[in-house]
N, C-alpha and C. Protein backbone atom coordinates (compact mmCIF):
# COMPACT_ATOMS: atom_id res chain seq x y z
N UNK A 1 50.36 0.78 -31.07
CA UNK A 1 49.99 1.36 -29.80
C UNK A 1 48.91 2.42 -29.97
N UNK A 2 49.05 3.19 -31.04
CA UNK A 2 48.11 4.26 -31.30
C UNK A 2 46.71 3.70 -31.57
N UNK A 3 46.62 2.58 -32.26
CA UNK A 3 45.34 1.93 -32.53
C UNK A 3 44.64 1.54 -31.24
N UNK A 4 45.42 1.02 -30.31
CA UNK A 4 44.87 0.58 -29.03
C UNK A 4 44.28 1.77 -28.27
N UNK A 5 44.97 2.92 -28.27
CA UNK A 5 44.47 4.10 -27.58
C UNK A 5 43.17 4.59 -28.19
N UNK A 6 43.09 4.58 -29.52
CA UNK A 6 41.86 4.99 -30.20
C UNK A 6 40.71 4.05 -29.87
N UNK A 7 40.99 2.77 -29.83
CA UNK A 7 39.95 1.79 -29.50
C UNK A 7 39.48 2.00 -28.07
N UNK A 8 40.40 2.26 -27.19
CA UNK A 8 40.05 2.48 -25.79
C UNK A 8 39.16 3.71 -25.63
N UNK A 9 39.49 4.78 -26.32
CA UNK A 9 38.68 6.00 -26.28
C UNK A 9 37.30 5.73 -26.86
N UNK A 10 37.24 5.02 -27.96
CA UNK A 10 35.97 4.68 -28.59
C UNK A 10 35.12 3.82 -27.67
N UNK A 11 35.73 2.84 -27.02
CA UNK A 11 34.99 1.98 -26.09
C UNK A 11 34.44 2.79 -24.92
N UNK A 12 35.25 3.71 -24.41
CA UNK A 12 34.80 4.55 -23.31
C UNK A 12 33.62 5.41 -23.72
N UNK A 13 33.69 5.99 -24.91
CA UNK A 13 32.63 6.85 -25.41
C UNK A 13 31.34 6.04 -25.54
N UNK A 14 31.44 4.85 -26.12
CA UNK A 14 30.27 3.98 -26.27
C UNK A 14 29.71 3.63 -24.90
N UNK A 15 30.60 3.32 -23.99
CA UNK A 15 30.18 2.97 -22.65
C UNK A 15 29.45 4.14 -21.99
N UNK A 16 29.97 5.35 -22.15
CA UNK A 16 29.32 6.54 -21.60
C UNK A 16 27.96 6.77 -22.24
N UNK A 17 27.88 6.56 -23.55
CA UNK A 17 26.60 6.71 -24.24
C UNK A 17 25.60 5.66 -23.76
N UNK A 18 26.08 4.42 -23.60
CA UNK A 18 25.21 3.36 -23.09
C UNK A 18 24.70 3.70 -21.70
N UNK A 19 25.59 4.20 -20.86
CA UNK A 19 25.19 4.56 -19.49
C UNK A 19 24.18 5.70 -19.49
N UNK A 20 24.36 6.64 -20.39
CA UNK A 20 23.42 7.76 -20.49
C UNK A 20 22.03 7.26 -20.86
N UNK A 21 21.97 6.36 -21.82
CA UNK A 21 20.69 5.76 -22.23
C UNK A 21 20.10 4.97 -21.07
N UNK A 22 20.93 4.21 -20.39
CA UNK A 22 20.47 3.41 -19.25
C UNK A 22 19.91 4.30 -18.15
N UNK A 23 20.62 5.39 -17.83
CA UNK A 23 20.17 6.30 -16.77
C UNK A 23 18.82 6.93 -17.13
N UNK A 24 18.67 7.33 -18.37
CA UNK A 24 17.41 7.94 -18.81
C UNK A 24 16.26 6.93 -18.70
N UNK A 25 16.51 5.70 -19.11
CA UNK A 25 15.48 4.66 -19.03
C UNK A 25 15.14 4.34 -17.58
N UNK A 26 16.15 4.28 -16.73
CA UNK A 26 15.93 3.99 -15.30
C UNK A 26 15.13 5.11 -14.64
N UNK A 27 15.44 6.34 -14.99
CA UNK A 27 14.71 7.48 -14.43
C UNK A 27 13.25 7.45 -14.86
N UNK A 28 13.01 7.16 -16.12
CA UNK A 28 11.64 7.07 -16.63
C UNK A 28 10.88 5.96 -15.92
N UNK A 29 11.53 4.82 -15.75
CA UNK A 29 10.88 3.70 -15.06
C UNK A 29 10.56 4.06 -13.61
N UNK A 30 11.46 4.74 -12.94
CA UNK A 30 11.23 5.17 -11.56
C UNK A 30 10.03 6.11 -11.48
N UNK A 31 9.95 7.05 -12.40
CA UNK A 31 8.84 8.00 -12.42
C UNK A 31 7.52 7.28 -12.65
N UNK A 32 7.51 6.32 -13.56
CA UNK A 32 6.29 5.56 -13.83
C UNK A 32 5.88 4.73 -12.62
N UNK A 33 6.84 4.11 -11.96
CA UNK A 33 6.54 3.32 -10.77
C UNK A 33 6.01 4.20 -9.64
N UNK A 34 6.56 5.40 -9.50
CA UNK A 34 6.09 6.33 -8.48
C UNK A 34 4.64 6.74 -8.75
N UNK A 35 4.30 6.98 -10.01
CA UNK A 35 2.92 7.32 -10.37
C UNK A 35 1.97 6.17 -10.08
N UNK A 36 2.38 4.95 -10.44
CA UNK A 36 1.55 3.77 -10.17
C UNK A 36 1.35 3.57 -8.68
N UNK A 37 2.40 3.79 -7.90
CA UNK A 37 2.30 3.63 -6.45
C UNK A 37 1.36 4.68 -5.86
N UNK A 38 1.44 5.90 -6.35
CA UNK A 38 0.55 6.96 -5.88
C UNK A 38 -0.90 6.61 -6.19
N UNK A 39 -1.17 6.11 -7.39
CA UNK A 39 -2.52 5.69 -7.76
C UNK A 39 -3.00 4.55 -6.87
N UNK A 40 -2.13 3.61 -6.58
CA UNK A 40 -2.49 2.48 -5.72
C UNK A 40 -2.81 2.97 -4.31
N UNK A 41 -2.02 3.91 -3.82
CA UNK A 41 -2.26 4.45 -2.47
C UNK A 41 -3.59 5.19 -2.41
N UNK A 42 -3.89 5.99 -3.43
CA UNK A 42 -5.17 6.69 -3.49
C UNK A 42 -6.32 5.69 -3.52
N UNK A 43 -6.17 4.63 -4.29
CA UNK A 43 -7.19 3.57 -4.36
C UNK A 43 -7.34 2.89 -3.00
N UNK A 44 -6.24 2.66 -2.32
CA UNK A 44 -6.28 2.03 -0.99
C UNK A 44 -7.05 2.90 0.00
N UNK A 45 -6.83 4.20 -0.04
CA UNK A 45 -7.58 5.11 0.84
C UNK A 45 -9.07 5.10 0.49
N UNK A 46 -9.37 5.07 -0.78
CA UNK A 46 -10.77 5.01 -1.21
C UNK A 46 -11.43 3.74 -0.67
N UNK A 47 -10.75 2.62 -0.78
CA UNK A 47 -11.27 1.35 -0.26
C UNK A 47 -11.44 1.43 1.26
N UNK A 48 -10.49 2.03 1.95
CA UNK A 48 -10.58 2.16 3.41
C UNK A 48 -11.82 2.96 3.80
N UNK A 49 -12.08 4.06 3.08
CA UNK A 49 -13.28 4.87 3.38
C UNK A 49 -14.56 4.10 3.06
N UNK A 50 -14.56 3.35 1.97
CA UNK A 50 -15.72 2.52 1.63
C UNK A 50 -15.96 1.47 2.70
N UNK A 51 -14.89 0.86 3.17
CA UNK A 51 -15.00 -0.17 4.22
C UNK A 51 -15.58 0.44 5.49
N UNK A 52 -15.14 1.62 5.86
CA UNK A 52 -15.65 2.28 7.06
C UNK A 52 -17.14 2.55 6.93
N UNK A 53 -17.55 3.07 5.79
CA UNK A 53 -18.98 3.35 5.58
C UNK A 53 -19.79 2.06 5.62
N UNK A 54 -19.31 1.03 4.98
CA UNK A 54 -19.99 -0.27 4.95
C UNK A 54 -20.13 -0.85 6.36
N UNK A 55 -19.05 -0.81 7.11
CA UNK A 55 -19.07 -1.38 8.46
C UNK A 55 -20.00 -0.61 9.39
N UNK A 56 -20.03 0.69 9.26
CA UNK A 56 -20.91 1.50 10.10
C UNK A 56 -22.37 1.33 9.70
N UNK A 57 -22.63 1.33 8.41
CA UNK A 57 -24.01 1.26 7.91
C UNK A 57 -24.60 -0.14 8.02
N UNK A 58 -23.87 -1.14 7.56
CA UNK A 58 -24.43 -2.49 7.46
C UNK A 58 -24.17 -3.37 8.68
N UNK A 59 -23.15 -3.03 9.46
CA UNK A 59 -22.79 -3.90 10.58
C UNK A 59 -22.77 -3.19 11.93
N UNK A 60 -23.17 -1.94 11.97
CA UNK A 60 -23.29 -1.21 13.23
C UNK A 60 -21.98 -0.90 13.93
N UNK A 61 -20.90 -0.82 13.19
CA UNK A 61 -19.62 -0.48 13.82
C UNK A 61 -19.70 0.93 14.41
N UNK A 62 -19.20 1.06 15.61
CA UNK A 62 -19.19 2.37 16.28
C UNK A 62 -18.02 3.23 15.83
N UNK A 63 -16.90 2.57 15.60
CA UNK A 63 -15.68 3.25 15.15
C UNK A 63 -14.98 2.35 14.14
N UNK A 64 -14.29 2.98 13.20
CA UNK A 64 -13.47 2.25 12.24
C UNK A 64 -12.18 3.05 12.05
N UNK A 65 -11.06 2.35 12.05
CA UNK A 65 -9.76 3.01 11.87
C UNK A 65 -8.91 2.22 10.89
N UNK A 66 -8.06 2.94 10.20
CA UNK A 66 -7.06 2.31 9.33
C UNK A 66 -5.75 2.31 10.10
N UNK A 67 -4.96 1.27 9.90
CA UNK A 67 -3.64 1.20 10.53
C UNK A 67 -2.69 0.48 9.58
N UNK A 68 -1.43 0.44 9.93
CA UNK A 68 -0.45 -0.29 9.12
C UNK A 68 0.22 0.56 8.06
N UNK A 69 0.63 -0.09 6.98
CA UNK A 69 1.49 0.55 5.97
C UNK A 69 0.83 1.72 5.26
N UNK A 70 -0.49 1.75 5.21
CA UNK A 70 -1.17 2.86 4.54
C UNK A 70 -0.89 4.19 5.24
N UNK A 71 -0.61 4.12 6.53
CA UNK A 71 -0.32 5.34 7.30
C UNK A 71 1.16 5.73 7.26
N UNK A 72 1.99 4.86 6.73
CA UNK A 72 3.43 5.13 6.70
C UNK A 72 3.91 5.24 5.26
N UNK A 73 4.15 6.46 4.79
CA UNK A 73 4.52 6.65 3.39
C UNK A 73 5.71 5.81 2.93
N UNK A 74 6.69 5.64 3.78
CA UNK A 74 7.88 4.88 3.38
C UNK A 74 7.65 3.38 3.37
N UNK A 75 6.57 2.92 3.98
CA UNK A 75 6.30 1.48 4.08
C UNK A 75 5.29 0.99 3.04
N UNK A 76 4.52 1.88 2.45
CA UNK A 76 3.50 1.47 1.50
C UNK A 76 4.15 1.10 0.17
N UNK A 77 3.86 -0.12 -0.31
CA UNK A 77 4.45 -0.61 -1.55
C UNK A 77 3.34 -1.10 -2.48
N UNK A 78 3.74 -1.56 -3.64
CA UNK A 78 2.74 -2.07 -4.58
C UNK A 78 2.15 -3.39 -4.11
N UNK A 79 2.70 -3.98 -3.07
CA UNK A 79 2.16 -5.22 -2.51
C UNK A 79 1.38 -4.98 -1.22
N UNK A 80 1.31 -3.74 -0.75
CA UNK A 80 0.65 -3.44 0.52
C UNK A 80 -0.85 -3.71 0.45
N UNK A 81 -1.40 -4.04 1.61
CA UNK A 81 -2.84 -4.23 1.73
C UNK A 81 -3.43 -3.09 2.54
N UNK A 82 -4.72 -3.16 2.80
CA UNK A 82 -5.41 -2.18 3.63
C UNK A 82 -5.79 -2.88 4.92
N UNK A 83 -5.32 -2.33 6.04
CA UNK A 83 -5.64 -2.89 7.35
C UNK A 83 -6.64 -1.98 8.04
N UNK A 84 -7.79 -2.57 8.42
CA UNK A 84 -8.90 -1.84 9.02
C UNK A 84 -9.22 -2.48 10.37
N UNK A 85 -9.55 -1.65 11.34
CA UNK A 85 -10.02 -2.15 12.64
C UNK A 85 -11.41 -1.57 12.89
N UNK A 86 -12.28 -2.39 13.47
CA UNK A 86 -13.64 -1.93 13.76
C UNK A 86 -14.00 -2.25 15.21
N UNK A 87 -14.68 -1.31 15.83
CA UNK A 87 -15.18 -1.46 17.19
C UNK A 87 -16.70 -1.58 17.13
N UNK A 88 -17.25 -2.43 17.97
CA UNK A 88 -18.70 -2.50 18.11
C UNK A 88 -19.41 -3.46 17.18
N UNK A 89 -18.69 -4.32 16.50
CA UNK A 89 -19.35 -5.32 15.65
C UNK A 89 -20.01 -6.37 16.55
N UNK A 90 -21.19 -6.82 16.16
CA UNK A 90 -21.84 -7.92 16.87
C UNK A 90 -21.01 -9.18 16.63
N UNK A 91 -20.84 -10.00 17.67
CA UNK A 91 -20.00 -11.19 17.55
C UNK A 91 -20.45 -12.10 16.40
N UNK A 92 -21.73 -12.18 16.16
CA UNK A 92 -22.23 -13.03 15.09
C UNK A 92 -22.01 -12.46 13.70
N UNK A 93 -21.62 -11.20 13.61
CA UNK A 93 -21.42 -10.54 12.31
C UNK A 93 -19.97 -10.47 11.86
N UNK A 94 -19.06 -10.88 12.70
CA UNK A 94 -17.63 -10.70 12.39
C UNK A 94 -17.24 -11.31 11.05
N UNK A 95 -17.59 -12.56 10.81
CA UNK A 95 -17.15 -13.21 9.57
C UNK A 95 -17.84 -12.62 8.34
N UNK A 96 -19.10 -12.25 8.48
CA UNK A 96 -19.78 -11.60 7.35
C UNK A 96 -19.14 -10.25 7.05
N UNK A 97 -18.79 -9.52 8.10
CA UNK A 97 -18.14 -8.21 7.92
C UNK A 97 -16.78 -8.37 7.25
N UNK A 98 -16.02 -9.37 7.68
CA UNK A 98 -14.72 -9.64 7.06
C UNK A 98 -14.89 -9.92 5.57
N UNK A 99 -15.85 -10.76 5.24
CA UNK A 99 -16.11 -11.08 3.84
C UNK A 99 -16.54 -9.86 3.04
N UNK A 100 -17.37 -9.02 3.64
CA UNK A 100 -17.87 -7.83 2.94
C UNK A 100 -16.74 -6.86 2.62
N UNK A 101 -15.84 -6.62 3.57
CA UNK A 101 -14.75 -5.68 3.28
C UNK A 101 -13.71 -6.30 2.34
N UNK A 102 -13.55 -7.61 2.41
CA UNK A 102 -12.61 -8.26 1.48
C UNK A 102 -13.08 -8.12 0.04
N UNK A 103 -14.39 -8.09 -0.16
CA UNK A 103 -14.94 -7.95 -1.51
C UNK A 103 -14.73 -6.56 -2.10
N UNK A 104 -14.39 -5.57 -1.28
CA UNK A 104 -14.21 -4.21 -1.77
C UNK A 104 -12.94 -4.05 -2.61
N UNK A 105 -11.92 -4.79 -2.28
CA UNK A 105 -10.64 -4.63 -2.97
C UNK A 105 -10.42 -5.69 -4.02
N UNK A 106 -10.51 -5.29 -5.29
CA UNK A 106 -10.27 -6.24 -6.38
C UNK A 106 -8.78 -6.58 -6.48
N UNK A 107 -7.96 -5.57 -6.51
CA UNK A 107 -6.52 -5.80 -6.64
C UNK A 107 -5.74 -5.40 -5.40
N UNK A 108 -6.45 -4.96 -4.37
CA UNK A 108 -5.83 -4.62 -3.09
C UNK A 108 -6.55 -5.41 -2.00
N UNK A 109 -5.79 -6.21 -1.29
CA UNK A 109 -6.36 -7.02 -0.22
C UNK A 109 -6.77 -6.13 0.95
N UNK A 110 -7.91 -6.45 1.57
CA UNK A 110 -8.41 -5.72 2.72
C UNK A 110 -8.50 -6.69 3.89
N UNK A 111 -7.89 -6.31 5.02
CA UNK A 111 -7.93 -7.12 6.23
C UNK A 111 -8.68 -6.37 7.32
N UNK A 112 -9.59 -7.05 7.98
CA UNK A 112 -10.39 -6.45 9.04
C UNK A 112 -10.03 -7.09 10.37
N UNK A 113 -9.79 -6.25 11.36
CA UNK A 113 -9.56 -6.70 12.73
C UNK A 113 -10.77 -6.29 13.55
N UNK A 114 -11.41 -7.26 14.19
CA UNK A 114 -12.53 -6.99 15.09
C UNK A 114 -11.92 -6.69 16.46
N UNK A 115 -12.08 -5.47 16.91
CA UNK A 115 -11.46 -5.04 18.17
C UNK A 115 -12.06 -5.75 19.38
N UNK A 116 -13.23 -6.38 19.22
CA UNK A 116 -13.82 -7.15 20.32
C UNK A 116 -13.02 -8.41 20.61
N UNK A 117 -12.32 -8.92 19.62
CA UNK A 117 -11.69 -10.23 19.76
C UNK A 117 -10.19 -10.25 19.50
N UNK A 118 -9.58 -9.12 19.18
CA UNK A 118 -8.16 -9.15 18.83
C UNK A 118 -7.27 -9.22 20.07
N UNK A 119 -6.04 -9.64 19.85
CA UNK A 119 -5.07 -9.75 20.94
C UNK A 119 -4.73 -8.37 21.50
N UNK A 120 -4.35 -8.34 22.76
CA UNK A 120 -4.03 -7.09 23.44
C UNK A 120 -2.89 -6.33 22.78
N UNK A 121 -1.86 -7.04 22.33
CA UNK A 121 -0.71 -6.37 21.71
C UNK A 121 -1.13 -5.64 20.43
N UNK A 122 -1.96 -6.28 19.62
CA UNK A 122 -2.45 -5.65 18.39
C UNK A 122 -3.38 -4.50 18.73
N UNK A 123 -4.24 -4.68 19.72
CA UNK A 123 -5.16 -3.62 20.15
C UNK A 123 -4.39 -2.37 20.54
N UNK A 124 -3.31 -2.55 21.28
CA UNK A 124 -2.50 -1.42 21.72
C UNK A 124 -1.91 -0.67 20.52
N UNK A 125 -1.38 -1.40 19.56
CA UNK A 125 -0.81 -0.77 18.36
C UNK A 125 -1.88 0.01 17.60
N UNK A 126 -3.04 -0.59 17.43
CA UNK A 126 -4.11 0.07 16.68
C UNK A 126 -4.58 1.32 17.42
N UNK A 127 -4.73 1.21 18.74
CA UNK A 127 -5.16 2.38 19.53
C UNK A 127 -4.15 3.52 19.43
N UNK A 128 -2.88 3.18 19.41
CA UNK A 128 -1.83 4.21 19.37
C UNK A 128 -1.63 4.79 17.97
N UNK A 129 -1.67 3.93 16.95
CA UNK A 129 -1.28 4.36 15.61
C UNK A 129 -2.43 4.53 14.63
N UNK A 130 -3.57 3.94 14.94
CA UNK A 130 -4.68 3.96 13.99
C UNK A 130 -5.22 5.36 13.73
N UNK A 131 -5.73 5.53 12.53
CA UNK A 131 -6.36 6.81 12.15
C UNK A 131 -7.83 6.54 11.89
N UNK A 132 -8.67 7.18 12.68
CA UNK A 132 -10.11 6.93 12.57
C UNK A 132 -10.65 7.45 11.24
N UNK A 133 -11.58 6.67 10.70
CA UNK A 133 -12.22 7.03 9.43
C UNK A 133 -13.65 7.48 9.68
């Protein structure tokens, strides 16, 4: 009986040590993921500003705004994209403008909404939640 108690104590100790190692590794991984996410978010904002400058300079956009997950800290993930809306694009330039902003993000997808042609429901959301660049 005494052997069994010693084995049980030893198993518990090992288990506690294993859990301690696991917790430390999990914490380190969380910290690294948080740093990577912060870098990705900073890169996404940089791309959004570049897109705004490009759309205003090359395509005559009157206004450009970012909307979506980039504006919501709890919603932005490592899979998030950059959502941009532009006002005042010439109808013939829409597809070229979409292609131009898509080329800005190598590892982050960029989506452009032309406010001249978007659905009313999306327009309302962008008008309410968008942040002008």
